[in-house]
All heavy atoms as atom14 arrays in JSON, in Angstrom:
{
  "sequence": "GCRWQWLDPGLSDRETLRNVARRLDAERLVAY",
  "atom14_mask": [
    [1, 1, 1, 1, 0, 0, 0, 0, 0, 0, 0, 0, 0, 0],
    [1, 1, 1, 1, 1, 1, 0, 0, 0, 0, 0, 0, 0, 0],
    [1, 1, 1, 1, 1, 1, 1, 1, 1, 1, 1, 0, 0, 0],
    [1, 1, 1, 1, 1, 1, 1, 1, 1, 1, 1, 1, 1, 1],
    [1, 1, 1, 1, 1, 1, 1, 1, 1, 0, 0, 0, 0, 0],
    [1, 1, 1, 1, 1, 1, 1, 1, 1, 1, 1, 1, 1, 1],
    [1, 1, 1, 1, 1, 1, 1, 1, 0, 0, 0, 0, 0, 0],
    [1, 1, 1, 1, 1, 1, 1, 1, 0, 0, 0, 0, 0, 0],
    [1, 1, 1, 1, 1, 1, 1, 0, 0, 0, 0, 0, 0, 0],
    [1, 1, 1, 1, 0, 0, 0, 0, 0, 0, 0, 0, 0, 0],
    [1, 1, 1, 1, 1, 1, 1, 1, 0, 0, 0, 0, 0, 0],
    [1, 1, 1, 1, 1, 1, 0, 0, 0, 0, 0, 0, 0, 0],
    [1, 1, 1, 1, 1, 1, 1, 1, 0, 0, 0, 0, 0, 0],
    [1, 1, 1, 1, 1, 1, 1, 1, 1, 1, 1, 0, 0, 0],
    [1, 1, 1, 1, 1, 1, 1, 1, 1, 0, 0, 0, 0, 0],
    [1, 1, 1, 1, 1, 1, 1, 0, 0, 0, 0, 0, 0, 0],
    [1, 1, 1, 1, 1, 1, 1, 1, 0, 0, 0, 0, 0, 0],
    [1, 1, 1, 1, 1, 1, 1, 1, 1, 1, 1, 0, 0, 0],
    [1, 1, 1, 1, 1, 1, 1, 1, 0, 0, 0, 0, 0, 0],
    [1, 1, 1, 1, 1, 1, 1, 0, 0, 0, 0, 0, 0, 0],
    [1, 1, 1, 1, 1, 0, 0, 0, 0, 0, 0, 0, 0, 0],
    [1, 1, 1, 1, 1, 1, 1, 1, 1, 1, 1, 0, 0, 0],
    [1, 1, 1, 1, 1, 1, 1, 1, 1, 1, 1, 0, 0, 0],
    [1, 1, 1, 1, 1, 1, 1, 1, 0, 0, 0, 0, 0, 0],
    [1, 1, 1, 1, 1, 1, 1, 1, 0, 0, 0, 0, 0, 0],
    [1, 1, 1, 1, 1, 0, 0, 0, 0, 0, 0, 0, 0, 0],
    [1, 1, 1, 1, 1, 1, 1, 1, 1, 0, 0, 0, 0, 0],
    [1, 1, 1, 1, 1, 1, 1, 1, 1, 1, 1, 0, 0, 0],
    [1, 1, 1, 1, 1, 1, 1, 1, 0, 0, 0, 0, 0, 0],
    [1, 1, 1, 1, 1, 1, 1, 0, 0, 0, 0, 0, 0, 0],
    [1, 1, 1, 1, 1, 0, 0, 0, 0, 0, 0, 0, 0, 0],
    [1, 1, 1, 1, 1, 1, 1, 1, 1, 1, 1, 1, 0, 0]
  ],
  "atom14_positions": [
    [[1.22, 6.86, -2.24], [2.29, 6.65, -3.22], [2.38, 5.23, -3.75], [2.94, 5.0, -4.82], [0.0, 0.0, 0.0], [0.0, 0.0, 0.0], [0.0, 0.0, 0.0], [0.0, 0.0, 0.0], [0.0, 0.0, 0.0], [0.0, 0.0, 0.0], [0.0, 0.0, 0.0], [0.0, 0.0, 0.0], [0.0, 0.0, 0.0], [0.0, 0.0, 0.0]],
    [[1.81, 4.26, -3.05], [1.9, 2.87, -3.51], [0.55, 2.35, -4.01], [0.43, 1.17, -4.33], [2.44, 1.98, -2.4], [1.33, 1.72, -1.01], [0.0, 0.0, 0.0], [0.0, 0.0, 0.0], [0.0, 0.0, 0.0], [0.0, 0.0, 0.0], [0.0, 0.0, 0.0], [0.0, 0.0, 0.0], [0.0, 0.0, 0.0], [0.0, 0.0, 0.0]],
    [[-0.45, 3.2, -4.12], [-1.8, 2.72, -4.45], [-1.89, 2.03, -5.79], [-2.6, 1.05, -5.94], [-2.81, 3.85, -4.34], [-2.72, 4.88, -5.43], [-3.79, 5.96, -5.24], [-3.58, 7.07, -6.11], [-2.88, 8.15, -5.84], [-2.3, 8.25, -4.66], [-2.75, 9.12, -6.7], [0.0, 0.0, 0.0], [0.0, 0.0, 0.0], [0.0, 0.0, 0.0]],
    [[-1.19, 2.55, -6.81], [-1.33, 1.94, -8.14], [-0.68, 0.56, -8.19], [-1.2, -0.34, -8.84], [-0.79, 2.87, -9.21], [-1.54, 4.15, -9.24], [-1.05, 5.4, -9.03], [-2.96, 4.32, -9.43], [-2.06, 6.33, -9.08], [-3.25, 5.7, -9.34], [-4.01, 3.45, -9.67], [-4.53, 6.2, -9.48], [-5.29, 3.97, -9.81], [-5.54, 5.32, -9.72]],
    [[0.42, 0.39, -7.5], [1.03, -0.94, -7.42], [0.11, -1.89, -6.66], [-0.06, -3.04, -7.04], [2.4, -0.87, -6.77], [3.42, -0.17, -7.63], [4.71, 0.02, -6.88], [4.72, 0.62, -5.81], [5.79, -0.49, -7.44], [0.0, 0.0, 0.0], [0.0, 0.0, 0.0], [0.0, 0.0, 0.0], [0.0, 0.0, 0.0], [0.0, 0.0, 0.0]],
    [[-0.47, -1.42, -5.56], [-1.37, -2.22, -4.75], [-2.59, -2.67, -5.57], [-3.08, -3.78, -5.44], [-1.8, -1.42, -3.53], [-2.8, -2.1, -2.67], [-4.14, -1.84, -2.61], [-2.58, -3.16, -1.74], [-4.75, -2.67, -1.7], [-3.81, -3.49, -1.15], [-1.44, -3.86, -1.35], [-3.94, -4.5, -0.2], [-1.57, -4.85, -0.4], [-2.8, -5.15, 0.15]],
    [[-3.08, -1.78, -6.42], [-4.28, -2.08, -7.22], [-3.97, -2.81, -8.52], [-4.89, -3.23, -9.22], [-5.02, -0.77, -7.54], [-5.62, -0.05, -6.35], [-6.14, 1.32, -6.77], [-6.73, -0.88, -5.72], [0.0, 0.0, 0.0], [0.0, 0.0, 0.0], [0.0, 0.0, 0.0], [0.0, 0.0, 0.0], [0.0, 0.0, 0.0], [0.0, 0.0, 0.0]],
    [[-2.72, -2.99, -8.86], [-2.32, -3.65, -10.1], [-2.8, -5.1, -10.1], [-2.36, -5.91, -9.28], [-0.81, -3.59, -10.24], [-0.3, -4.21, -11.53], [-1.09, -4.83, -12.28], [0.91, -4.06, -11.8], [0.0, 0.0, 0.0], [0.0, 0.0, 0.0], [0.0, 0.0, 0.0], [0.0, 0.0, 0.0], [0.0, 0.0, 0.0], [0.0, 0.0, 0.0]],
    [[-3.71, -5.46, -11.02], [-4.21, -6.83, -11.04], [-3.14, -7.85, -11.42], [-3.29, -9.05, -11.16], [-5.33, -6.8, -12.08], [-5.07, -5.6, -12.91], [-4.32, -4.63, -12.05], [0.0, 0.0, 0.0], [0.0, 0.0, 0.0], [0.0, 0.0, 0.0], [0.0, 0.0, 0.0], [0.0, 0.0, 0.0], [0.0, 0.0, 0.0], [0.0, 0.0, 0.0]],
    [[-2.04, -7.38, -11.99], [-0.95, -8.28, -12.33], [-0.11, -8.69, -11.13], [0.67, -9.64, -11.22], [0.0, 0.0, 0.0], [0.0, 0.0, 0.0], [0.0, 0.0, 0.0], [0.0, 0.0, 0.0], [0.0, 0.0, 0.0], [0.0, 0.0, 0.0], [0.0, 0.0, 0.0], [0.0, 0.0, 0.0], [0.0, 0.0, 0.0], [0.0, 0.0, 0.0]],
    [[-0.25, -7.98, -10.04], [0.48, -8.33, -8.82], [-0.43, -9.15, -7.91], [-1.38, -8.63, -7.35], [0.95, -7.08, -8.07], [2.04, -6.25, -8.72], [2.35, -5.03, -7.87], [3.28, -7.07, -8.92], [0.0, 0.0, 0.0], [0.0, 0.0, 0.0], [0.0, 0.0, 0.0], [0.0, 0.0, 0.0], [0.0, 0.0, 0.0], [0.0, 0.0, 0.0]],
    [[-0.12, -10.41, -7.8], [-0.94, -11.26, -6.94], [-0.1, -12.04, -5.92], [-0.65, -12.63, -5.0], [-1.77, -12.24, -7.78], [-0.94, -13.04, -8.57], [0.0, 0.0, 0.0], [0.0, 0.0, 0.0], [0.0, 0.0, 0.0], [0.0, 0.0, 0.0], [0.0, 0.0, 0.0], [0.0, 0.0, 0.0], [0.0, 0.0, 0.0], [0.0, 0.0, 0.0]],
    [[1.2, -12.0, -6.1], [2.09, -12.69, -5.17], [2.14, -11.93, -3.84], [2.42, -10.73, -3.81], [3.49, -12.8, -5.77], [4.48, -13.42, -4.82], [4.32, -14.61, -4.5], [5.39, -12.69, -4.38], [0.0, 0.0, 0.0], [0.0, 0.0, 0.0], [0.0, 0.0, 0.0], [0.0, 0.0, 0.0], [0.0, 0.0, 0.0], [0.0, 0.0, 0.0]],
    [[1.83, -12.62, -2.77], [1.77, -11.96, -1.46], [3.07, -11.28, -1.06], [3.07, -10.18, -0.53], [1.37, -12.96, -0.37], [-0.06, -13.33, -0.41], [-0.39, -14.27, 0.72], [-1.78, -14.69, 0.61], [-2.53, -14.99, 1.61], [-2.05, -14.98, 2.83], [-3.77, -15.37, 1.43], [0.0, 0.0, 0.0], [0.0, 0.0, 0.0], [0.0, 0.0, 0.0]],
    [[4.18, -11.92, -1.3], [5.46, -11.34, -0.9], [5.74, -10.06, -1.69], [6.2, -9.07, -1.12], [6.59, -12.36, -1.09], [7.88, -11.94, -0.43], [7.74, -11.73, 1.09], [6.97, -12.44, 1.75], [8.43, -10.82, 1.59], [0.0, 0.0, 0.0], [0.0, 0.0, 0.0], [0.0, 0.0, 0.0], [0.0, 0.0, 0.0], [0.0, 0.0, 0.0]],
    [[5.43, -10.06, -2.96], [5.61, -8.86, -3.78], [4.73, -7.74, -3.27], [5.16, -6.59, -3.14], [5.3, -9.15, -5.26], [6.16, -10.21, -5.72], [5.51, -7.93, -6.11], [0.0, 0.0, 0.0], [0.0, 0.0, 0.0], [0.0, 0.0, 0.0], [0.0, 0.0, 0.0], [0.0, 0.0, 0.0], [0.0, 0.0, 0.0], [0.0, 0.0, 0.0]],
    [[3.48, -8.07, -2.97], [2.56, -7.06, -2.45], [3.04, -6.5, -1.11], [2.94, -5.31, -0.86], [1.15, -7.64, -2.31], [0.42, -7.85, -3.62], [-0.86, -8.66, -3.39], [0.11, -6.53, -4.28], [0.0, 0.0, 0.0], [0.0, 0.0, 0.0], [0.0, 0.0, 0.0], [0.0, 0.0, 0.0], [0.0, 0.0, 0.0], [0.0, 0.0, 0.0]],
    [[3.58, -7.36, -0.27], [4.11, -6.88, 1.01], [5.26, -5.9, 0.8], [5.45, -4.96, 1.56], [4.59, -8.06, 1.86], [3.49, -8.81, 2.51], [4.05, -9.86, 3.48], [2.97, -10.64, 4.02], [2.75, -11.92, 3.75], [3.58, -12.58, 2.95], [1.73, -12.56, 4.27], [0.0, 0.0, 0.0], [0.0, 0.0, 0.0], [0.0, 0.0, 0.0]],
    [[6.04, -6.14, -0.25], [7.19, -5.28, -0.52], [6.8, -3.93, -1.12], [7.5, -2.95, -0.92], [8.19, -5.99, -1.44], [8.89, -7.13, -0.73], [9.11, -7.09, 0.47], [9.24, -8.17, -1.47], [0.0, 0.0, 0.0], [0.0, 0.0, 0.0], [0.0, 0.0, 0.0], [0.0, 0.0, 0.0], [0.0, 0.0, 0.0], [0.0, 0.0, 0.0]],
    [[5.7, -3.89, -1.88], [5.3, -2.61, -2.49], [4.38, -1.8, -1.59], [4.31, -0.58, -1.72], [4.63, -2.81, -3.87], [5.58, -3.48, -4.84], [3.32, -3.54, -3.79], [0.0, 0.0, 0.0], [0.0, 0.0, 0.0], [0.0, 0.0, 0.0], [0.0, 0.0, 0.0], [0.0, 0.0, 0.0], [0.0, 0.0, 0.0], [0.0, 0.0, 0.0]],
    [[3.67, -2.47, -0.69], [2.73, -1.76, 0.18], [3.47, -1.02, 1.28], [4.35, -1.57, 1.93], [1.74, -2.75, 0.79], [0.0, 0.0, 0.0], [0.0, 0.0, 0.0], [0.0, 0.0, 0.0], [0.0, 0.0, 0.0], [0.0, 0.0, 0.0], [0.0, 0.0, 0.0], [0.0, 0.0, 0.0], [0.0, 0.0, 0.0], [0.0, 0.0, 0.0]],
    [[3.13, 0.25, 1.45], [3.72, 1.05, 2.52], [2.58, 1.62, 3.35], [1.62, 2.18, 2.82], [4.55, 2.19, 1.93], [5.8, 1.71, 1.21], [6.66, 2.88, 0.74], [5.93, 3.93, 0.05], [5.66, 3.95, -1.25], [6.04, 2.95, -2.01], [5.01, 4.96, -1.79], [0.0, 0.0, 0.0], [0.0, 0.0, 0.0], [0.0, 0.0, 0.0]],
    [[2.7, 1.48, 4.64], [1.68, 2.03, 5.54], [1.73, 3.54, 5.54], [2.79, 4.13, 5.44], [1.88, 1.52, 6.96], [1.6, 0.07, 7.11], [1.77, -0.35, 8.54], [1.56, -1.77, 8.64], [1.57, -2.43, 9.75], [1.78, -1.8, 10.89], [1.36, -3.72, 9.77], [0.0, 0.0, 0.0], [0.0, 0.0, 0.0], [0.0, 0.0, 0.0]],
    [[0.56, 4.13, 5.69], [0.47, 5.57, 5.83], [0.99, 5.96, 7.19], [0.68, 5.32, 8.2], [-1.0, 6.01, 5.68], [-1.26, 7.5, 5.75], [-0.61, 8.22, 4.58], [-2.75, 7.77, 5.76], [0.0, 0.0, 0.0], [0.0, 0.0, 0.0], [0.0, 0.0, 0.0], [0.0, 0.0, 0.0], [0.0, 0.0, 0.0], [0.0, 0.0, 0.0]],
    [[1.81, 7.0, 7.23], [2.35, 7.5, 8.49], [1.18, 7.94, 9.37], [0.37, 8.77, 8.98], [3.29, 8.66, 8.21], [3.94, 9.21, 9.45], [3.79, 8.63, 10.54], [4.62, 10.25, 9.33], [0.0, 0.0, 0.0], [0.0, 0.0, 0.0], [0.0, 0.0, 0.0], [0.0, 0.0, 0.0], [0.0, 0.0, 0.0], [0.0, 0.0, 0.0]],
    [[1.08, 7.4, 10.56], [-0.03, 7.69, 11.47], [-0.15, 9.17, 11.78], [-1.24, 9.66, 12.05], [0.13, 6.89, 12.76], [0.0, 0.0, 0.0], [0.0, 0.0, 0.0], [0.0, 0.0, 0.0], [0.0, 0.0, 0.0], [0.0, 0.0, 0.0], [0.0, 0.0, 0.0], [0.0, 0.0, 0.0], [0.0, 0.0, 0.0], [0.0, 0.0, 0.0]],
    [[0.94, 9.91, 11.72], [0.89, 11.34, 11.99], [0.13, 12.11, 10.92], [-0.27, 13.24, 11.13], [2.31, 11.89, 12.15], [2.99, 11.37, 13.39], [4.41, 11.89, 13.53], [4.82, 12.78, 12.76], [5.1, 11.39, 14.43], [0.0, 0.0, 0.0], [0.0, 0.0, 0.0], [0.0, 0.0, 0.0], [0.0, 0.0, 0.0], [0.0, 0.0, 0.0]],
    [[-0.11, 11.5, 9.77], [-0.86, 12.15, 8.69], [-2.36, 11.98, 8.85], [-3.14, 12.62, 8.16], [-0.42, 11.59, 7.34], [1.0, 11.98, 6.98], [1.43, 11.45, 5.65], [0.55, 11.91, 4.58], [0.58, 11.42, 3.35], [1.44, 10.47, 3.03], [-0.25, 11.87, 2.43], [0.0, 0.0, 0.0], [0.0, 0.0, 0.0], [0.0, 0.0, 0.0]],
    [[-2.78, 11.1, 9.75], [-4.21, 10.87, 9.95], [-4.81, 11.93, 10.86], [-4.17, 12.39, 11.8], [-4.43, 9.49, 10.58], [-3.99, 8.29, 9.75], [-4.18, 7.02, 10.56], [-4.76, 8.22, 8.45], [0.0, 0.0, 0.0], [0.0, 0.0, 0.0], [0.0, 0.0, 0.0], [0.0, 0.0, 0.0], [0.0, 0.0, 0.0], [0.0, 0.0, 0.0]],
    [[-6.03, 12.3, 10.56], [-6.76, 13.28, 11.36], [-8.11, 12.67, 11.7], [-8.8, 12.15, 10.82], [-6.97, 14.59, 10.58], [-7.79, 15.57, 11.39], [-5.64, 15.2, 10.17], [0.0, 0.0, 0.0], [0.0, 0.0, 0.0], [0.0, 0.0, 0.0], [0.0, 0.0, 0.0], [0.0, 0.0, 0.0], [0.0, 0.0, 0.0], [0.0, 0.0, 0.0]],
    [[-8.47, 12.71, 12.96], [-9.76, 12.17, 13.39], [-10.59, 13.29, 14.01], [-10.06, 14.15, 14.71], [-9.57, 11.05, 14.41], [0.0, 0.0, 0.0], [0.0, 0.0, 0.0], [0.0, 0.0, 0.0], [0.0, 0.0, 0.0], [0.0, 0.0, 0.0], [0.0, 0.0, 0.0], [0.0, 0.0, 0.0], [0.0, 0.0, 0.0], [0.0, 0.0, 0.0]],
    [[-11.88, 13.28, 13.71], [-12.8, 14.25, 14.29], [-14.19, 13.65, 14.29], [-14.51, 12.79, 13.46], [-12.76, 15.59, 13.54], [-13.01, 15.48, 12.06], [-14.3, 15.52, 11.54], [-11.95, 15.33, 11.16], [-14.54, 15.42, 10.18], [-12.18, 15.22, 9.81], [-13.47, 15.28, 9.32], [-13.7, 15.17, 7.98], [0.0, 0.0, 0.0], [0.0, 0.0, 0.0]]
  ]
}
């Protein structure tokens, strides 16, 4: 859900990026 903000070349301020970036819920990951 935050990928386009993360990839936005206009966003370069670290604090702004920290605020828009959301970690993926670990329960959604599948390993095999």
